[in-house]
Amino acid sequence: MTDLSTLLSVIQSLEVQLHQPEMRNNAELVEKLQHNDFEEISRSGQRYDRQQTLAALKMENSHTQIFSDNFKLTIIAEASLC
């Protein structure tokens, strides 16, 4: 198994890349980074699947900066790392 701190560092780096407008607007890159079963839960509690997320990113025209911190990683099942 990969060291959790190393795995967190990789995941955090990829997530922060997606906060940049030039990356968020690159549909090909976002499609590569998101798993087919990707789901996201917004601050409001709304759940979005991969297709909804990709569609929303294509419609974005704002360059609002996104800040995130306090990243944490919890393994919920060993199979989830495969």
PDB file of N, CA and C in Angstrom:
ATOM      1  N   MET A   1       0.843  -1.185   0.000  1.00  0.00           N
ATOM      2  CA  MET A   1       0.000   0.000   0.000  1.00  0.00           C
ATOM      3  C   MET A   1       0.888   1.247   0.000  1.00  0.00           C
ATOM      4  N   THR A   2       0.446   2.279  -0.675  1.00  0.00           N
ATOM      5  CA  THR A   2       1.164   3.541  -0.747  1.00  0.00           C
ATOM      6  C   THR A   2       1.086   4.257   0.593  1.00  0.00           C
ATOM      7  N   ASP A   3       2.159   4.910   0.970  1.00  0.00           N
ATOM      8  CA  ASP A   3       2.189   5.719   2.172  1.00  0.00           C
ATOM      9  C   ASP A   3       1.076   6.772   2.068  1.00  0.00           C
ATOM     10  N   LEU A   4       0.244   6.883   3.120  1.00  0.00           N
ATOM     11  CA  LEU A   4      -0.900   7.800   3.078  1.00  0.00           C
ATOM     12  C   LEU A   4      -0.488   9.248   2.859  1.00  0.00           C
ATOM     13  N   SER A   5       0.618   9.679   3.439  1.00  0.00           N
ATOM     14  CA  SER A   5       1.029  11.072   3.251  1.00  0.00           C
ATOM     15  C   SER A   5       1.425  11.325   1.798  1.00  0.00           C
ATOM     16  N   THR A   6       2.044  10.339   1.153  1.00  0.00           N
ATOM     17  CA  THR A   6       2.395  10.472  -0.260  1.00  0.00           C
ATOM     18  C   THR A   6       1.132  10.508  -1.109  1.00  0.00           C
ATOM     19  N   LEU A   7       0.212   9.622  -0.821  1.00  0.00           N
ATOM     20  CA  LEU A   7      -1.049   9.573  -1.564  1.00  0.00           C
ATOM     21  C   LEU A   7      -1.828  10.872  -1.391  1.00  0.00           C
ATOM     22  N   LEU A   8      -1.899  11.377  -0.176  1.00  0.00           N
ATOM     23  CA  LEU A   8      -2.587  12.643   0.076  1.00  0.00           C
ATOM     24  C   LEU A   8      -1.929  13.774  -0.702  1.00  0.00           C
ATOM     25  N   SER A   9      -0.623  13.792  -0.746  1.00  0.00           N
ATOM     26  CA  SER A   9       0.103  14.836  -1.479  1.00  0.00           C
ATOM     27  C   SER A   9      -0.251  14.811  -2.969  1.00  0.00           C
ATOM     28  N   VAL A  10      -0.310  13.629  -3.543  1.00  0.00           N
ATOM     29  CA  VAL A  10      -0.653  13.496  -4.965  1.00  0.00           C
ATOM     30  C   VAL A  10      -2.092  13.945  -5.216  1.00  0.00           C
ATOM     31  N   ILE A  11      -3.013  13.478  -4.398  1.00  0.00           N
ATOM     32  CA  ILE A  11      -4.430  13.834  -4.558  1.00  0.00           C
ATOM     33  C   ILE A  11      -4.622  15.340  -4.363  1.00  0.00           C
ATOM     34  N   GLN A  12      -3.976  15.899  -3.353  1.00  0.00           N
ATOM     35  CA  GLN A  12      -4.096  17.336  -3.090  1.00  0.00           C
ATOM     36  C   GLN A  12      -3.562  18.146  -4.267  1.00  0.00           C
ATOM     37  N   SER A  13      -2.444  17.736  -4.822  1.00  0.00           N
ATOM     38  CA  SER A  13      -1.859  18.437  -5.964  1.00  0.00           C
ATOM     39  C   SER A  13      -2.817  18.432  -7.155  1.00  0.00           C
ATOM     40  N   LEU A  14      -3.418  17.293  -7.434  1.00  0.00           N
ATOM     41  CA  LEU A  14      -4.363  17.201  -8.555  1.00  0.00           C
ATOM     42  C   LEU A  14      -5.608  18.050  -8.298  1.00  0.00           C
ATOM     43  N   GLU A  15      -6.102  18.021  -7.081  1.00  0.00           N
ATOM     44  CA  GLU A  15      -7.287  18.816  -6.730  1.00  0.00           C
ATOM     45  C   GLU A  15      -6.999  20.309  -6.885  1.00  0.00           C
ATOM     46  N   VAL A  16      -5.862  20.763  -6.390  1.00  0.00           N
ATOM     47  CA  VAL A  16      -5.517  22.174  -6.475  1.00  0.00           C
ATOM     48  C   VAL A  16      -5.329  22.596  -7.938  1.00  0.00           C
ATOM     49  N   GLN A  17      -4.807  21.710  -8.770  1.00  0.00           N
ATOM     50  CA  GLN A  17      -4.699  22.013 -10.200  1.00  0.00           C
ATOM     51  C   GLN A  17      -6.072  22.307 -10.790  1.00  0.00           C
ATOM     52  N   LEU A  18      -7.078  21.559 -10.346  1.00  0.00           N
ATOM     53  CA  LEU A  18      -8.433  21.755 -10.866  1.00  0.00           C
ATOM     54  C   LEU A  18      -9.078  23.051 -10.372  1.00  0.00           C
ATOM     55  N   HIS A  19      -8.446  23.726  -9.442  1.00  0.00           N
ATOM     56  CA  HIS A  19      -8.958  25.019  -8.981  1.00  0.00           C
ATOM     57  C   HIS A  19      -8.554  26.152  -9.921  1.00  0.00           C
ATOM     58  N   GLN A  20      -7.624  25.884 -10.800  1.00  0.00           N
ATOM     59  CA  GLN A  20      -7.128  26.906 -11.722  1.00  0.00           C
ATOM     60  C   GLN A  20      -8.036  26.970 -12.953  1.00  0.00           C
ATOM     61  N   PRO A  21      -8.487  28.165 -13.339  1.00  0.00           N
ATOM     62  CA  PRO A  21      -9.402  28.297 -14.476  1.00  0.00           C
ATOM     63  C   PRO A  21      -8.910  27.620 -15.759  1.00  0.00           C
ATOM     64  N   GLU A  22      -7.611  27.731 -16.044  1.00  0.00           N
ATOM     65  CA  GLU A  22      -7.101  27.134 -17.285  1.00  0.00           C
ATOM     66  C   GLU A  22      -7.202  25.605 -17.254  1.00  0.00           C
ATOM     67  N   MET A  23      -7.185  25.025 -16.086  1.00  0.00           N
ATOM     68  CA  MET A  23      -7.341  23.574 -15.969  1.00  0.00           C
ATOM     69  C   MET A  23      -8.818  23.193 -15.954  1.00  0.00           C
ATOM     70  N   ARG A  24      -9.631  23.960 -15.238  1.00  0.00           N
ATOM     71  CA  ARG A  24     -11.062  23.659 -15.138  1.00  0.00           C
ATOM     72  C   ARG A  24     -11.738  23.740 -16.504  1.00  0.00           C
ATOM     73  N   ASN A  25     -11.224  24.608 -17.361  1.00  0.00           N
ATOM     74  CA  ASN A  25     -11.820  24.784 -18.688  1.00  0.00           C
ATOM     75  C   ASN A  25     -11.246  23.822 -19.721  1.00  0.00           C
ATOM     76  N   ASN A  26     -10.353  22.942 -19.314  1.00  0.00           N
ATOM     77  CA  ASN A  26      -9.770  21.958 -20.208  1.00  0.00           C
ATOM     78  C   ASN A  26     -10.526  20.637 -20.026  1.00  0.00           C
ATOM     79  N   ALA A  27     -11.593  20.460 -20.811  1.00  0.00           N
ATOM     80  CA  ALA A  27     -12.474  19.303 -20.664  1.00  0.00           C
ATOM     81  C   ALA A  27     -11.720  17.986 -20.799  1.00  0.00           C
ATOM     82  N   GLU A  28     -10.762  17.933 -21.708  1.00  0.00           N
ATOM     83  CA  GLU A  28     -10.005  16.695 -21.920  1.00  0.00           C
ATOM     84  C   GLU A  28      -9.226  16.309 -20.656  1.00  0.00           C
ATOM     85  N   LEU A  29      -8.591  17.284 -20.033  1.00  0.00           N
ATOM     86  CA  LEU A  29      -7.839  17.021 -18.811  1.00  0.00           C
ATOM     87  C   LEU A  29      -8.768  16.593 -17.675  1.00  0.00           C
ATOM     88  N   VAL A  30      -9.862  17.311 -17.495  1.00  0.00           N
ATOM     89  CA  VAL A  30     -10.798  16.995 -16.422  1.00  0.00           C
ATOM     90  C   VAL A  30     -11.361  15.587 -16.622  1.00  0.00           C
ATOM     91  N   GLU A  31     -11.681  15.236 -17.853  1.00  0.00           N
ATOM     92  CA  GLU A  31     -12.190  13.885 -18.122  1.00  0.00           C
ATOM     93  C   GLU A  31     -11.159  12.820 -17.774  1.00  0.00           C
ATOM     94  N   LYS A  32      -9.887  13.101 -17.998  1.00  0.00           N
ATOM     95  CA  LYS A  32      -8.826  12.153 -17.651  1.00  0.00           C
ATOM     96  C   LYS A  32      -8.676  12.005 -16.140  1.00  0.00           C
ATOM     97  N   LEU A  33      -8.834  13.115 -15.423  1.00  0.00           N
ATOM     98  CA  LEU A  33      -8.628  13.087 -13.977  1.00  0.00           C
ATOM     99  C   LEU A  33      -9.805  12.504 -13.205  1.00  0.00           C
ATOM    100  N   GLN A  34     -11.002  12.634 -13.736  1.00  0.00           N
ATOM    101  CA  GLN A  34     -12.173  12.143 -13.012  1.00  0.00           C
ATOM    102  C   GLN A  34     -12.506  10.714 -13.415  1.00  0.00           C
ATOM    103  N   HIS A  35     -12.681   9.871 -12.425  1.00  0.00           N
ATOM    104  CA  HIS A  35     -13.096   8.489 -12.638  1.00  0.00           C
ATOM    105  C   HIS A  35     -14.514   8.479 -13.199  1.00  0.00           C
ATOM    106  N   ASN A  36     -14.862   7.449 -13.948  1.00  0.00           N
ATOM    107  CA  ASN A  36     -16.214   7.343 -14.516  1.00  0.00           C
ATOM    108  C   ASN A  36     -17.295   7.364 -13.442  1.00  0.00           C
ATOM    109  N   ASP A  37     -16.985   6.883 -12.240  1.00  0.00           N
ATOM    110  CA  ASP A  37     -17.957   6.856 -11.140  1.00  0.00           C
ATOM    111  C   ASP A  37     -17.814   8.067 -10.216  1.00  0.00           C
ATOM    112  N   PHE A  38     -17.124   9.116 -10.687  1.00  0.00           N
ATOM    113  CA  PHE A  38     -16.894  10.312  -9.878  1.00  0.00           C
ATOM    114  C   PHE A  38     -18.205  10.903  -9.386  1.00  0.00           C
ATOM    115  N   GLU A  39     -18.221  11.285  -8.115  1.00  0.00           N
ATOM    116  CA  GLU A  39     -19.331  12.027  -7.524  1.00  0.00           C
ATOM    117  C   GLU A  39     -18.743  13.100  -6.627  1.00  0.00           C
ATOM    118  N   GLU A  40     -19.430  14.215  -6.575  1.00  0.00           N
ATOM    119  CA  GLU A  40     -18.982  15.325  -5.746  1.00  0.00           C
ATOM    120  C   GLU A  40     -20.170  15.827  -4.944  1.00  0.00           C
ATOM    121  N   ILE A  41     -19.904  16.252  -3.729  1.00  0.00           N
ATOM    122  CA  ILE A  41     -20.948  16.840  -2.893  1.00  0.00           C
ATOM    123  C   ILE A  41     -20.557  18.295  -2.663  1.00  0.00           C
ATOM    124  N   SER A  42     -21.443  19.190  -3.046  1.00  0.00           N
ATOM    125  CA  SER A  42     -21.163  20.623  -2.944  1.00  0.00           C
ATOM    126  C   SER A  42     -21.297  21.109  -1.505  1.00  0.00           C
ATOM    127  N   ARG A  43     -20.896  22.357  -1.302  1.00  0.00           N
ATOM    128  CA  ARG A  43     -21.033  22.961   0.029  1.00  0.00           C
ATOM    129  C   ARG A  43     -22.475  22.945   0.509  1.00  0.00           C
ATOM    130  N   SER A  44     -23.421  23.030  -0.431  1.00  0.00           N
ATOM    131  CA  SER A  44     -24.834  23.059  -0.060  1.00  0.00           C
ATOM    132  C   SER A  44     -25.395  21.658   0.180  1.00  0.00           C
ATOM    133  N   GLY A  45     -24.580  20.634  -0.069  1.00  0.00           N
ATOM    134  CA  GLY A  45     -25.037  19.267   0.141  1.00  0.00           C
ATOM    135  C   GLY A  45     -25.578  18.600  -1.114  1.00  0.00           C
ATOM    136  N   GLN A  46     -25.606  19.331  -2.218  1.00  0.00           N
ATOM    137  CA  GLN A  46     -26.089  18.779  -3.490  1.00  0.00           C
ATOM    138  C   GLN A  46     -25.059  17.802  -4.047  1.00  0.00           C
ATOM    139  N   ARG A  47     -25.526  16.664  -4.550  1.00  0.00           N
ATOM    140  CA  ARG A  47     -24.641  15.657  -5.126  1.00  0.00           C
ATOM    141  C   ARG A  47     -24.623  15.802  -6.643  1.00  0.00           C
ATOM    142  N   TYR A  48     -23.418  15.740  -7.212  1.00  0.00           N
ATOM    143  CA  TYR A  48     -23.241  15.839  -8.659  1.00  0.00           C
ATOM    144  C   TYR A  48     -22.439  14.647  -9.157  1.00  0.00           C
ATOM    145  N   ASP A  49     -22.844  14.075 -10.276  1.00  0.00           N
ATOM    146  CA  ASP A  49     -22.072  12.989 -10.869  1.00  0.00           C
ATOM    147  C   ASP A  49     -21.074  13.561 -11.875  1.00  0.00           C
ATOM    148  N   ARG A  50     -20.315  12.697 -12.508  1.00  0.00           N
ATOM    149  CA  ARG A  50     -19.250  13.134 -13.416  1.00  0.00           C
ATOM    150  C   ARG A  50     -19.803  13.962 -14.572  1.00  0.00           C
ATOM    151  N   GLN A  51     -20.865  13.505 -15.210  1.00  0.00           N
ATOM    152  CA  GLN A  51     -21.420  14.219 -16.361  1.00  0.00           C
ATOM    153  C   GLN A  51     -21.948  15.595 -15.971  1.00  0.00           C
ATOM    154  N   GLN A  52     -22.596  15.685 -14.828  1.00  0.00           N
ATOM    155  CA  GLN A  52     -23.090  16.985 -14.352  1.00  0.00           C
ATOM    156  C   GLN A  52     -21.932  17.929 -14.063  1.00  0.00           C
ATOM    157  N   THR A  53     -20.867  17.390 -13.473  1.00  0.00           N
ATOM    158  CA  THR A  53     -19.702  18.203 -13.161  1.00  0.00           C
ATOM    159  C   THR A  53     -19.025  18.705 -14.426  1.00  0.00           C
ATOM    160  N   LEU A  54     -18.830  17.823 -15.395  1.00  0.00           N
ATOM    161  CA  LEU A  54     -18.205  18.224 -16.660  1.00  0.00           C
ATOM    162  C   LEU A  54     -19.044  19.285 -17.371  1.00  0.00           C
ATOM    163  N   ALA A  55     -20.368  19.106 -17.377  1.00  0.00           N
ATOM    164  CA  ALA A  55     -21.256  20.081 -18.025  1.00  0.00           C
ATOM    165  C   ALA A  55     -21.171  21.437 -17.324  1.00  0.00           C
ATOM    166  N   ALA A  56     -21.141  21.428 -16.001  1.00  0.00           N
ATOM    167  CA  ALA A  56     -21.070  22.680 -15.250  1.00  0.00           C
ATOM    168  C   ALA A  56     -19.746  23.393 -15.498  1.00  0.00           C
ATOM    169  N   LEU A  57     -18.656  22.641 -15.566  1.00  0.00           N
ATOM    170  CA  LEU A  57     -17.351  23.259 -15.810  1.00  0.00           C
ATOM    171  C   LEU A  57     -17.289  23.882 -17.200  1.00  0.00           C
ATOM    172  N   LYS A  58     -17.934  23.270 -18.178  1.00  0.00           N
ATOM    173  CA  LYS A  58     -17.944  23.819 -19.539  1.00  0.00           C
ATOM    174  C   LYS A  58     -18.689  25.152 -19.592  1.00  0.00           C
ATOM    175  N   MET A  59     -19.647  25.339 -18.679  1.00  0.00           N
ATOM    176  CA  MET A  59     -20.451  26.561 -18.681  1.00  0.00           C
ATOM    177  C   MET A  59     -19.836  27.668 -17.826  1.00  0.00           C
ATOM    178  N   GLU A  60     -18.815  27.344 -17.060  1.00  0.00           N
ATOM    179  CA  GLU A  60     -18.189  28.344 -16.196  1.00  0.00           C
ATOM    180  C   GLU A  60     -17.556  29.457 -17.011  1.00  0.00           C
ATOM    181  N   ASN A  61     -17.789  30.673 -16.594  1.00  0.00           N
ATOM    182  CA  ASN A  61     -17.121  31.796 -17.240  1.00  0.00           C
ATOM    183  C   ASN A  61     -16.513  32.735 -16.202  1.00  0.00           C
ATOM    184  N   SER A  62     -16.626  32.369 -14.948  1.00  0.00           N
ATOM    185  CA  SER A  62     -16.072  33.163 -13.857  1.00  0.00           C
ATOM    186  C   SER A  62     -14.650  32.705 -13.560  1.00  0.00           C
ATOM    187  N   HIS A  63     -13.833  33.651 -13.154  1.00  0.00           N
ATOM    188  CA  HIS A  63     -12.474  33.320 -12.768  1.00  0.00           C
ATOM    189  C   HIS A  63     -12.286  33.529 -11.268  1.00  0.00           C
ATOM    190  N   THR A  64     -13.325  33.205 -10.515  1.00  0.00           N
ATOM    191  CA  THR A  64     -13.266  33.313  -9.069  1.00  0.00           C
ATOM    192  C   THR A  64     -12.195  32.363  -8.544  1.00  0.00           C
ATOM    193  N   GLN A  65     -11.345  32.869  -7.674  1.00  0.00           N
ATOM    194  CA  GLN A  65     -10.302  32.018  -7.112  1.00  0.00           C
ATOM    195  C   GLN A  65     -10.905  31.049  -6.115  1.00  0.00           C
ATOM    196  N   ILE A  66     -10.408  29.839  -6.158  1.00  0.00           N
ATOM    197  CA  ILE A  66     -10.840  28.795  -5.233  1.00  0.00           C
ATOM    198  C   ILE A  66      -9.695  28.536  -4.266  1.00  0.00           C
ATOM    199  N   PHE A  67     -10.002  28.558  -2.994  1.00  0.00           N
ATOM    200  CA  PHE A  67      -9.016  28.266  -1.963  1.00  0.00           C
ATOM    201  C   PHE A  67      -9.489  27.057  -1.173  1.00  0.00           C
ATOM    202  N   SER A  68      -8.601  26.162  -0.893  1.00  0.00           N
ATOM    203  CA  SER A  68      -8.936  25.025  -0.049  1.00  0.00           C
ATOM    204  C   SER A  68      -7.731  24.684   0.804  1.00  0.00           C
ATOM    205  N   ASP A  69      -8.008  24.153   1.980  1.00  0.00           N
ATOM    206  CA  ASP A  69      -6.936  23.762   2.874  1.00  0.00           C
ATOM    207  C   ASP A  69      -7.429  22.656   3.792  1.00  0.00           C
ATOM    208  N   ASN A  70      -6.573  22.258   4.683  1.00  0.00           N
ATOM    209  CA  ASN A  70      -6.912  21.203   5.644  1.00  0.00           C
ATOM    210  C   ASN A  70      -7.348  19.909   4.958  1.00  0.00           C
ATOM    211  N   PHE A  71      -6.634  19.534   3.913  1.00  0.00           N
ATOM    212  CA  PHE A  71      -6.937  18.281   3.231  1.00  0.00           C
ATOM    213  C   PHE A  71      -6.695  17.115   4.186  1.00  0.00           C
ATOM    214  N   LYS A  72      -7.576  16.132   4.124  1.00  0.00           N
ATOM    215  CA  LYS A  72      -7.432  14.917   4.931  1.00  0.00           C
ATOM    216  C   LYS A  72      -7.740  13.727   4.038  1.00  0.00           C
ATOM    217  N   LEU A  73      -7.131  12.623   4.355  1.00  0.00           N
ATOM    218  CA  LEU A  73      -7.363  11.398   3.608  1.00  0.00           C
ATOM    219  C   LEU A  73      -7.673  10.283   4.586  1.00  0.00           C
ATOM    220  N   THR A  74      -8.780   9.617   4.342  1.00  0.00           N
ATOM    221  CA  THR A  74      -9.171   8.480   5.160  1.00  0.00           C
ATOM    222  C   THR A  74      -9.459   7.312   4.236  1.00  0.00           C
ATOM    223  N   ILE A  75      -8.831   6.204   4.498  1.00  0.00           N
ATOM    224  CA  ILE A  75      -9.086   4.998   3.715  1.00  0.00           C
ATOM    225  C   ILE A  75     -10.343   4.350   4.277  1.00  0.00           C
ATOM    226  N   ILE A  76     -11.348   4.185   3.445  1.00  0.00           N
ATOM    227  CA  ILE A  76     -12.589   3.566   3.907  1.00  0.00           C
ATOM    228  C   ILE A  76     -12.613   2.070   3.607  1.00  0.00           C
ATOM    229  N   ALA A  77     -11.786   1.656   2.649  1.00  0.00           N
ATOM    230  CA  ALA A  77     -11.653   0.230   2.340  1.00  0.00           C
ATOM    231  C   ALA A  77     -10.392   0.064   1.499  1.00  0.00           C
ATOM    232  N   GLU A  78      -9.654  -1.001   1.750  1.00  0.00           N
ATOM    233  CA  GLU A  78      -8.432  -1.233   0.974  1.00  0.00           C
ATOM    234  C   GLU A  78      -8.723  -1.298  -0.515  1.00  0.00           C
ATOM    235  N   ALA A  79      -9.857  -1.857  -0.911  1.00  0.00           N
ATOM    236  CA  ALA A  79     -10.208  -1.972  -2.330  1.00  0.00           C
ATOM    237  C   ALA A  79     -10.408  -0.621  -2.978  1.00  0.00           C
ATOM    238  N   SER A  80     -10.661   0.417  -2.183  1.00  0.00           N
ATOM    239  CA  SER A  80     -10.890   1.746  -2.755  1.00  0.00           C
ATOM    240  C   SER A  80      -9.607   2.340  -3.313  1.00  0.00           C
ATOM    241  N   LEU A  81      -8.469   1.760  -3.021  1.00  0.00           N
ATOM    242  CA  LEU A  81      -7.194   2.234  -3.531  1.00  0.00           C
ATOM    243  C   LEU A  81      -6.839   1.617  -4.871  1.00  0.00           C
ATOM    244  N   CYS A  82      -7.575   0.633  -5.292  1.00  0.00           N
ATOM    245  CA  CYS A  82      -7.252  -0.064  -6.542  1.00  0.00           C
ATOM    246  C   CYS A  82      -7.726   0.684  -7.750  1.00  0.00           C
TER     247      CYS A  82
END
